[in-house]
Amino acid sequence: MNPLDLYQRTAALIASRPVALVLIGLVVAFVLIRTSTRLIRARVRWWPGNITVGHVHLHHEFFGVLIMILAGTLAFVVPTTSAWHGVLAFLFGAGVGLVLDEFALLLHLDDVYWTQEGRSSIDAVLVAVALGLMLVLGTAPFGLDDSDPFGPGGRVFEIVFVVVNVGLTVITALKGKLWTALLSVPLWGLGLIGAVRLGHPDSPWARRFYSTGTPKFARAQRRAKRWERAAEAVVDAIGGRFGNAPGSDRTDAQADHTEPK
């Protein structure tokens, strides 16, 4: 397949799935606004500052909500066969990206953008992207499929198969492995891995089955610390270094959260 054919097929797939344009808009808006806020935090002189009306500081979640309202409303008016429907899908995704980038502010009703609490914004974006990819790819959840490879008598087996996978996903979530649980919806084998491995020491599963001071609880703590360090490194790489780290505090983190024009 030559590059032109690949491009045409990819464009046709995106055009046939407006949710793909929503996902692309979300990612593009998030990358642009997060880059902007990181430049502002670094006090790059040539980069524009924040938007204020009088003494009111307008956060970019405000503009994201307006874009979502406008694009979402017009999507009910524009025919789905129109090219403008794809444009509105992209704009709606861009609005979602702007809002989710400040998800932590909505959750805490405080400017926690660069604090430890602000990490939840990155989590929200990653969850949205994961769910969007599932929708774009049309992934069948828990191994459920429209086809029946087991023949007319295989429906009972299929139901049992799905129920077992759902149970494994629930156990994985109870063990505090939320990302593994989420990914086990389309990739059912991960549910088995998450269910048999040690849970997070602060999870409901650990509180019920791991006694404090036991070797199993100690192993769970050591493993959790390793995963938390790795997760923090990934989040910092995506969203920038957050507060409560050496050399930073909550006040400085809040003061550095200014918005681009």
C-alpha atoms as a PDB file:
ATOM      1  CA  MET A   1       0.000   0.000   0.000  1.00  0.00           C
ATOM      2  CA  ASN A   2       1.477   3.350  -1.040  1.00  0.00           C
ATOM      3  CA  PRO A   3       1.369   6.403   1.278  1.00  0.00           C
ATOM      4  CA  LEU A   4      -1.420   8.040  -0.749  1.00  0.00           C
ATOM      5  CA  ASP A   5      -3.703   5.004  -0.414  1.00  0.00           C
ATOM      6  CA  LEU A   6      -2.965   4.826   3.319  1.00  0.00           C
ATOM      7  CA  TYR A   7      -3.796   8.525   3.702  1.00  0.00           C
ATOM      8  CA  GLN A   8      -7.044   8.163   1.744  1.00  0.00           C
ATOM      9  CA  ARG A   9      -8.168   5.138   3.742  1.00  0.00           C
ATOM     10  CA  THR A  10      -7.306   6.837   7.023  1.00  0.00           C
ATOM     11  CA  ALA A  11      -9.187   9.989   5.978  1.00  0.00           C
ATOM     12  CA  ALA A  12     -12.201   7.899   4.943  1.00  0.00           C
ATOM     13  CA  LEU A  13     -12.188   6.066   8.293  1.00  0.00           C
ATOM     14  CA  ILE A  14     -12.043   9.345  10.235  1.00  0.00           C
ATOM     15  CA  ALA A  15     -14.779  10.906   8.111  1.00  0.00           C
ATOM     16  CA  SER A  16     -17.035   7.890   8.653  1.00  0.00           C
ATOM     17  CA  ARG A  17     -16.586   8.085  12.430  1.00  0.00           C
ATOM     18  CA  PRO A  18     -17.275  11.569  13.843  1.00  0.00           C
ATOM     19  CA  VAL A  19     -16.132  10.306  17.245  1.00  0.00           C
ATOM     20  CA  ALA A  20     -12.632  10.089  15.734  1.00  0.00           C
ATOM     21  CA  LEU A  21     -12.773  13.820  15.011  1.00  0.00           C
ATOM     22  CA  VAL A  22     -13.930  14.430  18.584  1.00  0.00           C
ATOM     23  CA  LEU A  23     -10.914  12.487  19.841  1.00  0.00           C
ATOM     24  CA  ILE A  24      -8.519  14.333  17.520  1.00  0.00           C
ATOM     25  CA  GLY A  25      -9.932  17.689  18.623  1.00  0.00           C
ATOM     26  CA  LEU A  26      -9.546  16.725  22.268  1.00  0.00           C
ATOM     27  CA  VAL A  27      -5.902  15.695  21.865  1.00  0.00           C
ATOM     28  CA  VAL A  28      -4.965  18.728  19.744  1.00  0.00           C
ATOM     29  CA  ALA A  29      -6.573  21.207  22.155  1.00  0.00           C
ATOM     30  CA  PHE A  30      -5.017  19.537  25.198  1.00  0.00           C
ATOM     31  CA  VAL A  31      -1.527  19.493  23.693  1.00  0.00           C
ATOM     32  CA  LEU A  32      -1.749  23.137  22.621  1.00  0.00           C
ATOM     33  CA  ILE A  33      -3.167  24.506  25.872  1.00  0.00           C
ATOM     34  CA  ARG A  34      -0.843  22.426  28.075  1.00  0.00           C
ATOM     35  CA  THR A  35       2.121  23.629  26.026  1.00  0.00           C
ATOM     36  CA  SER A  36       0.886  27.192  26.437  1.00  0.00           C
ATOM     37  CA  THR A  37       0.501  26.971  30.215  1.00  0.00           C
ATOM     38  CA  ARG A  38       3.935  25.382  30.543  1.00  0.00           C
ATOM     39  CA  LEU A  39       5.457  28.260  28.568  1.00  0.00           C
ATOM     40  CA  ILE A  40       3.637  30.739  30.786  1.00  0.00           C
ATOM     41  CA  ARG A  41       4.818  28.951  33.898  1.00  0.00           C
ATOM     42  CA  ALA A  42       8.380  29.172  32.573  1.00  0.00           C
ATOM     43  CA  ARG A  43       7.787  32.930  32.161  1.00  0.00           C
ATOM     44  CA  VAL A  44       8.765  32.950  28.500  1.00  0.00           C
ATOM     45  CA  ARG A  45       8.642  36.664  27.688  1.00  0.00           C
ATOM     46  CA  TRP A  46       7.434  36.447  24.110  1.00  0.00           C
ATOM     47  CA  TRP A  47       4.483  34.180  25.011  1.00  0.00           C
ATOM     48  CA  PRO A  48       1.149  35.976  25.665  1.00  0.00           C
ATOM     49  CA  GLY A  49      -0.314  36.225  29.154  1.00  0.00           C
ATOM     50  CA  ASN A  50      -3.716  35.571  30.640  1.00  0.00           C
ATOM     51  CA  ILE A  51      -7.167  36.841  29.730  1.00  0.00           C
ATOM     52  CA  THR A  52      -8.946  39.059  32.232  1.00  0.00           C
ATOM     53  CA  VAL A  53     -12.210  40.951  32.072  1.00  0.00           C
ATOM     54  CA  GLY A  54     -11.931  43.691  34.650  1.00  0.00           C
ATOM     55  CA  HIS A  55     -10.556  41.835  37.652  1.00  0.00           C
ATOM     56  CA  VAL A  56     -11.994  38.463  36.587  1.00  0.00           C
ATOM     57  CA  HIS A  57      -9.494  35.867  35.375  1.00  0.00           C
ATOM     58  CA  LEU A  58     -11.024  33.735  32.610  1.00  0.00           C
ATOM     59  CA  HIS A  59      -9.750  30.160  32.733  1.00  0.00           C
ATOM     60  CA  HIS A  60      -9.644  28.153  29.526  1.00  0.00           C
ATOM     61  CA  GLU A  61     -12.273  25.749  30.868  1.00  0.00           C
ATOM     62  CA  PHE A  62     -14.696  28.679  30.449  1.00  0.00           C
ATOM     63  CA  PHE A  63     -13.958  28.853  26.721  1.00  0.00           C
ATOM     64  CA  GLY A  64     -14.110  25.063  26.509  1.00  0.00           C
ATOM     65  CA  VAL A  65     -17.636  25.028  27.897  1.00  0.00           C
ATOM     66  CA  LEU A  66     -18.734  27.731  25.424  1.00  0.00           C
ATOM     67  CA  ILE A  67     -17.234  25.785  22.505  1.00  0.00           C
ATOM     68  CA  MET A  68     -18.949  22.566  23.631  1.00  0.00           C
ATOM     69  CA  ILE A  69     -22.320  24.301  23.957  1.00  0.00           C
ATOM     70  CA  LEU A  70     -22.035  25.969  20.556  1.00  0.00           C
ATOM     71  CA  ALA A  71     -20.692  22.946  18.658  1.00  0.00           C
ATOM     72  CA  GLY A  72     -23.014  20.497  20.412  1.00  0.00           C
ATOM     73  CA  THR A  73     -26.092  22.586  19.680  1.00  0.00           C
ATOM     74  CA  LEU A  74     -25.214  23.192  16.030  1.00  0.00           C
ATOM     75  CA  ALA A  75     -24.548  19.471  15.574  1.00  0.00           C
ATOM     76  CA  PHE A  76     -28.295  18.888  15.998  1.00  0.00           C
ATOM     77  CA  VAL A  77     -28.985  21.373  13.188  1.00  0.00           C
ATOM     78  CA  VAL A  78     -26.336  20.490  10.601  1.00  0.00           C
ATOM     79  CA  PRO A  79     -27.057  17.308   8.586  1.00  0.00           C
ATOM     80  CA  THR A  80     -24.786  14.404   9.418  1.00  0.00           C
ATOM     81  CA  THR A  81     -23.854  14.128   5.745  1.00  0.00           C
ATOM     82  CA  SER A  82     -22.504  17.686   5.701  1.00  0.00           C
ATOM     83  CA  ALA A  83     -18.771  18.359   5.960  1.00  0.00           C
ATOM     84  CA  TRP A  84     -19.620  20.896   8.659  1.00  0.00           C
ATOM     85  CA  HIS A  85     -20.744  18.043  10.893  1.00  0.00           C
ATOM     86  CA  GLY A  86     -17.137  16.852  11.023  1.00  0.00           C
ATOM     87  CA  VAL A  87     -15.937  20.370  11.805  1.00  0.00           C
ATOM     88  CA  LEU A  88     -18.407  20.583  14.697  1.00  0.00           C
ATOM     89  CA  ALA A  89     -17.244  17.185  15.979  1.00  0.00           C
ATOM     90  CA  PHE A  90     -13.649  18.451  15.997  1.00  0.00           C
ATOM     91  CA  LEU A  91     -14.652  21.675  17.769  1.00  0.00           C
ATOM     92  CA  PHE A  92     -16.663  19.768  20.363  1.00  0.00           C
ATOM     93  CA  GLY A  93     -13.615  17.598  21.080  1.00  0.00           C
ATOM     94  CA  ALA A  94     -11.456  20.719  21.374  1.00  0.00           C
ATOM     95  CA  GLY A  95     -13.880  22.113  23.950  1.00  0.00           C
ATOM     96  CA  VAL A  96     -13.715  18.844  25.888  1.00  0.00           C
ATOM     97  CA  GLY A  97      -9.917  19.045  25.848  1.00  0.00           C
ATOM     98  CA  LEU A  98      -9.939  22.568  27.288  1.00  0.00           C
ATOM     99  CA  VAL A  99     -12.369  21.575  30.035  1.00  0.00           C
ATOM    100  CA  LEU A 100     -10.595  18.360  31.009  1.00  0.00           C
ATOM    101  CA  ASP A 101      -7.255  20.155  31.195  1.00  0.00           C
ATOM    102  CA  GLU A 102      -8.747  22.009  34.171  1.00  0.00           C
ATOM    103  CA  PHE A 103     -10.768  19.080  35.499  1.00  0.00           C
ATOM    104  CA  ALA A 104      -8.979  19.365  38.851  1.00  0.00           C
ATOM    105  CA  LEU A 105     -10.188  22.965  39.251  1.00  0.00           C
ATOM    106  CA  LEU A 106     -13.784  21.860  38.711  1.00  0.00           C
ATOM    107  CA  LEU A 107     -13.333  18.984  41.145  1.00  0.00           C
ATOM    108  CA  HIS A 108     -11.771  21.028  43.969  1.00  0.00           C
ATOM    109  CA  LEU A 109     -13.339  24.434  43.156  1.00  0.00           C
ATOM    110  CA  ASP A 110      -9.883  25.921  43.678  1.00  0.00           C
ATOM    111  CA  ASP A 111      -6.880  26.819  41.515  1.00  0.00           C
ATOM    112  CA  VAL A 112      -4.924  23.596  41.958  1.00  0.00           C
ATOM    113  CA  TYR A 113      -3.615  23.481  38.390  1.00  0.00           C
ATOM    114  CA  TRP A 114       0.056  22.976  39.281  1.00  0.00           C
ATOM    115  CA  THR A 115      -0.391  21.250  42.640  1.00  0.00           C
ATOM    116  CA  GLN A 116      -0.489  17.523  43.346  1.00  0.00           C
ATOM    117  CA  GLU A 117      -4.289  17.682  43.143  1.00  0.00           C
ATOM    118  CA  GLY A 118      -3.879  19.015  39.606  1.00  0.00           C
ATOM    119  CA  ARG A 119      -2.650  15.608  38.469  1.00  0.00           C
ATOM    120  CA  SER A 120      -6.268  14.489  38.290  1.00  0.00           C
ATOM    121  CA  SER A 121      -6.641  16.645  35.157  1.00  0.00           C
ATOM    122  CA  ILE A 122      -4.073  14.489  33.368  1.00  0.00           C
ATOM    123  CA  ASP A 123      -5.831  11.353  34.593  1.00  0.00           C
ATOM    124  CA  ALA A 124      -9.146  12.661  33.237  1.00  0.00           C
ATOM    125  CA  VAL A 125      -7.623  13.376  29.821  1.00  0.00           C
ATOM    126  CA  LEU A 126      -5.975   9.952  29.632  1.00  0.00           C
ATOM    127  CA  VAL A 127      -9.238   8.213  30.550  1.00  0.00           C
ATOM    128  CA  ALA A 128     -11.116  10.234  27.917  1.00  0.00           C
ATOM    129  CA  VAL A 129      -8.524   9.366  25.262  1.00  0.00           C
ATOM    130  CA  ALA A 130      -8.649   5.665  26.180  1.00  0.00           C
ATOM    131  CA  LEU A 131     -12.450   5.595  25.979  1.00  0.00           C
ATOM    132  CA  GLY A 132     -12.360   7.535  22.725  1.00  0.00           C
ATOM    133  CA  LEU A 133      -9.962   5.048  21.177  1.00  0.00           C
ATOM    134  CA  MET A 134     -12.264   2.207  22.194  1.00  0.00           C
ATOM    135  CA  LEU A 135     -15.173   3.914  20.447  1.00  0.00           C
ATOM    136  CA  VAL A 136     -13.144   4.728  17.329  1.00  0.00           C
ATOM    137  CA  LEU A 137     -11.859   1.175  17.011  1.00  0.00           C
ATOM    138  CA  GLY A 138     -15.298  -0.274  17.767  1.00  0.00           C
ATOM    139  CA  THR A 139     -13.838  -2.576  20.390  1.00  0.00           C
ATOM    140  CA  ALA A 140     -16.195  -5.264  21.675  1.00  0.00           C
ATOM    141  CA  PRO A 141     -16.251  -5.129  25.511  1.00  0.00           C
ATOM    142  CA  PHE A 142     -15.273  -8.139  27.628  1.00  0.00           C
ATOM    143  CA  GLY A 143     -14.816 -10.376  24.580  1.00  0.00           C
ATOM    144  CA  LEU A 144     -18.437  -9.913  23.491  1.00  0.00           C
ATOM    145  CA  ASP A 145     -18.896 -10.088  19.743  1.00  0.00           C
ATOM    146  CA  ASP A 146     -21.807 -10.119  17.327  1.00  0.00           C
ATOM    147  CA  SER A 147     -20.485 -13.287  15.712  1.00  0.00           C
ATOM    148  CA  ASP A 148     -21.124 -16.667  17.280  1.00  0.00           C
ATOM    149  CA  PRO A 149     -18.058 -18.844  16.668  1.00  0.00           C
ATOM    150  CA  PHE A 150     -19.417 -21.588  18.917  1.00  0.00           C
ATOM    151  CA  GLY A 151     -22.464 -22.296  16.773  1.00  0.00           C
ATOM    152  CA  PRO A 152     -26.143 -22.216  17.772  1.00  0.00           C
ATOM    153  CA  GLY A 153     -25.414 -23.856  21.108  1.00  0.00           C
ATOM    154  CA  GLY A 154     -22.569 -21.537  21.990  1.00  0.00           C
ATOM    155  CA  ARG A 155     -24.639 -18.631  23.330  1.00  0.00           C
ATOM    156  CA  VAL A 156     -24.559 -19.982  26.891  1.00  0.00           C
ATOM    157  CA  PHE A 157     -20.774 -20.291  26.742  1.00  0.00           C
ATOM    158  CA  GLU A 158     -20.526 -16.719  25.428  1.00  0.00           C
ATOM    159  CA  ILE A 159     -22.659 -15.400  28.294  1.00  0.00           C
ATOM    160  CA  VAL A 160     -20.538 -17.262  30.875  1.00  0.00           C
ATOM    161  CA  PHE A 161     -17.394 -15.967  29.189  1.00  0.00           C
ATOM    162  CA  VAL A 162     -18.559 -12.347  29.419  1.00  0.00           C
ATOM    163  CA  VAL A 163     -19.751 -12.722  33.029  1.00  0.00           C
ATOM    164  CA  VAL A 164     -16.364 -14.131  34.061  1.00  0.00           C
ATOM    165  CA  ASN A 165     -14.548 -11.258  32.335  1.00  0.00           C
ATOM    166  CA  VAL A 166     -16.792  -8.693  34.032  1.00  0.00           C
ATOM    167  CA  GLY A 167     -16.073 -10.342  37.385  1.00  0.00           C
ATOM    168  CA  LEU A 168     -12.326 -10.225  36.782  1.00  0.00           C
ATOM    169  CA  THR A 169     -12.553  -6.548  35.868  1.00  0.00           C
ATOM    170  CA  VAL A 170     -14.498  -5.776  39.056  1.00  0.00           C
ATOM    171  CA  ILE A 171     -11.901  -7.615  41.176  1.00  0.00           C
ATOM    172  CA  THR A 172      -9.123  -5.698  39.417  1.00  0.00           C
ATOM    173  CA  ALA A 173     -10.869  -2.406  40.198  1.00  0.00           C
ATOM    174  CA  LEU A 174     -11.386  -3.418  43.851  1.00  0.00           C
ATOM    175  CA  LYS A 175      -7.647  -4.072  44.042  1.00  0.00           C
ATOM    176  CA  GLY A 176      -7.056  -0.432  43.139  1.00  0.00           C
ATOM    177  CA  LYS A 177      -5.746  -1.166  39.630  1.00  0.00           C
ATOM    178  CA  LEU A 178      -8.099   1.245  37.880  1.00  0.00           C
ATOM    179  CA  TRP A 179      -6.124   1.604  34.657  1.00  0.00           C
ATOM    180  CA  THR A 180      -5.797  -2.157  34.296  1.00  0.00           C
ATOM    181  CA  ALA A 181      -9.529  -2.483  34.951  1.00  0.00           C
ATOM    182  CA  LEU A 182     -10.328   0.110  32.293  1.00  0.00           C
ATOM    183  CA  LEU A 183      -8.100  -1.530  29.690  1.00  0.00           C
ATOM    184  CA  SER A 184      -9.475  -4.958  30.554  1.00  0.00           C
ATOM    185  CA  VAL A 185     -12.830  -3.921  29.074  1.00  0.00           C
ATOM    186  CA  PRO A 186     -11.536  -4.238  25.491  1.00  0.00           C
ATOM    187  CA  LEU A 187      -8.551  -6.466  26.358  1.00  0.00           C
ATOM    188  CA  TRP A 188     -10.214  -9.070  28.533  1.00  0.00           C
ATOM    189  CA  GLY A 189      -6.985 -10.961  29.292  1.00  0.00           C
ATOM    190  CA  LEU A 190      -5.762  -8.038  31.396  1.00  0.00           C
ATOM    191  CA  GLY A 191      -8.608  -8.642  33.824  1.00  0.00           C
ATOM    192  CA  LEU A 192      -7.165 -12.051  34.699  1.00  0.00           C
ATOM    193  CA  ILE A 193      -3.693 -10.550  35.212  1.00  0.00           C
ATOM    194  CA  GLY A 194      -5.046  -7.750  37.398  1.00  0.00           C
ATOM    195  CA  ALA A 195      -7.189 -10.127  39.432  1.00  0.00           C
ATOM    196  CA  VAL A 196      -4.351 -12.493  40.374  1.00  0.00           C
ATOM    197  CA  ARG A 197      -1.732  -9.848  41.176  1.00  0.00           C
ATOM    198  CA  LEU A 198      -1.350  -8.043  44.492  1.00  0.00           C
ATOM    199  CA  GLY A 199      -3.702  -5.138  45.067  1.00  0.00           C
ATOM    200  CA  HIS A 200      -2.835  -1.594  46.070  1.00  0.00           C
ATOM    201  CA  PRO A 201      -2.369  -1.365  49.882  1.00  0.00           C
ATOM    202  CA  ASP A 202      -5.037   1.360  50.117  1.00  0.00           C
ATOM    203  CA  SER A 203      -7.588  -0.499  47.998  1.00  0.00           C
ATOM    204  CA  PRO A 204     -10.844  -2.013  49.334  1.00  0.00           C
ATOM    205  CA  TRP A 205      -9.457  -5.462  48.522  1.00  0.00           C
ATOM    206  CA  ALA A 206      -6.335  -4.889  50.620  1.00  0.00           C
ATOM    207  CA  ARG A 207      -8.327  -3.526  53.563  1.00  0.00           C
ATOM    208  CA  ARG A 208     -10.430  -6.699  53.516  1.00  0.00           C
ATOM    209  CA  PHE A 209      -7.821  -9.377  52.809  1.00  0.00           C
ATOM    210  CA  TYR A 210      -4.350  -7.959  53.660  1.00  0.00           C
ATOM    211  CA  SER A 211      -3.555  -7.613  57.337  1.00  0.00           C
ATOM    212  CA  THR A 212      -1.274  -4.725  58.257  1.00  0.00           C
ATOM    213  CA  GLY A 213       2.249  -5.866  59.057  1.00  0.00           C
ATOM    214  CA  THR A 214       2.047  -9.122  57.093  1.00  0.00           C
ATOM    215  CA  PRO A 215       4.587  -9.953  54.355  1.00  0.00           C
ATOM    216  CA  LYS A 216       1.830  -9.698  51.711  1.00  0.00           C
ATOM    217  CA  PHE A 217       0.925  -6.169  52.843  1.00  0.00           C
ATOM    218  CA  ALA A 218       4.624  -5.168  52.834  1.00  0.00           C
ATOM    219  CA  ARG A 219       5.044  -6.501  49.282  1.00  0.00           C
ATOM    220  CA  ALA A 220       1.960  -4.597  48.193  1.00  0.00           C
ATOM    221  CA  GLN A 221       3.399  -1.374  49.622  1.00  0.00           C
ATOM    222  CA  ARG A 222       6.753  -1.833  47.899  1.00  0.00           C
ATOM    223  CA  ARG A 223       5.110  -2.604  44.573  1.00  0.00           C
ATOM    224  CA  ALA A 224       2.732   0.348  44.914  1.00  0.00           C
ATOM    225  CA  LYS A 225       5.618   2.764  45.526  1.00  0.00           C
ATOM    226  CA  ARG A 226       7.404   1.573  42.392  1.00  0.00           C
ATOM    227  CA  TRP A 227       4.279   2.001  40.257  1.00  0.00           C
ATOM    228  CA  GLU A 228       3.516   5.415  41.786  1.00  0.00           C
ATOM    229  CA  ARG A 229       7.001   6.696  40.956  1.00  0.00           C
ATOM    230  CA  ALA A 230       6.639   5.470  37.381  1.00  0.00           C
ATOM    231  CA  ALA A 231       3.151   6.994  37.088  1.00  0.00           C
ATOM    232  CA  GLU A 232       4.373  10.334  38.436  1.00  0.00           C
ATOM    233  CA  ALA A 233       7.161  10.389  35.867  1.00  0.00           C
ATOM    234  CA  VAL A 234       4.667   9.776  33.043  1.00  0.00           C
ATOM    235  CA  VAL A 235       2.248  12.437  34.311  1.00  0.00           C
ATOM    236  CA  ASP A 236       5.061  14.960  34.749  1.00  0.00           C
ATOM    237  CA  ALA A 237       6.269  14.263  31.218  1.00  0.00           C
ATOM    238  CA  ILE A 238       2.788  14.883  29.815  1.00  0.00           C
ATOM    239  CA  GLY A 239       1.578  17.773  31.939  1.00  0.00           C
ATOM    240  CA  GLY A 240       4.711  19.346  33.405  1.00  0.00           C
ATOM    241  CA  ARG A 241       6.168  19.075  36.892  1.00  0.00           C
ATOM    242  CA  PHE A 242       3.507  19.599  39.524  1.00  0.00           C
ATOM    243  CA  GLY A 243       3.772  21.278  42.941  1.00  0.00           C
ATOM    244  CA  ASN A 244       4.662  19.837  46.332  1.00  0.00           C
ATOM    245  CA  ALA A 245       7.978  18.778  44.813  1.00  0.00           C
ATOM    246  CA  PRO A 246      11.394  19.897  46.089  1.00  0.00           C
ATOM    247  CA  GLY A 247      11.755  23.618  45.578  1.00  0.00           C
ATOM    248  CA  SER A 248       8.059  24.288  45.003  1.00  0.00           C
ATOM    249  CA  ASP A 249       4.995  24.880  47.124  1.00  0.00           C
ATOM    250  CA  ARG A 250       1.271  25.401  46.718  1.00  0.00           C
ATOM    251  CA  THR A 251       1.471  29.204  46.676  1.00  0.00           C
ATOM    252  CA  ASP A 252       4.059  29.265  43.890  1.00  0.00           C
ATOM    253  CA  ALA A 253       2.133  26.687  41.904  1.00  0.00           C
ATOM    254  CA  GLN A 254      -1.056  28.728  42.093  1.00  0.00           C
ATOM    255  CA  ALA A 255       0.732  31.954  41.190  1.00  0.00           C
ATOM    256  CA  ASP A 256       2.208  30.311  38.089  1.00  0.00           C
ATOM    257  CA  HIS A 257      -1.184  29.277  36.729  1.00  0.00           C
ATOM    258  CA  THR A 258      -1.913  32.036  34.257  1.00  0.00           C
ATOM    259  CA  GLU A 259      -3.857  31.612  31.074  1.00  0.00           C
ATOM    260  CA  PRO A 260      -2.896  32.406  27.479  1.00  0.00           C
ATOM    261  CA  LYS A 261      -4.606  35.021  25.363  1.00  0.00           C
END
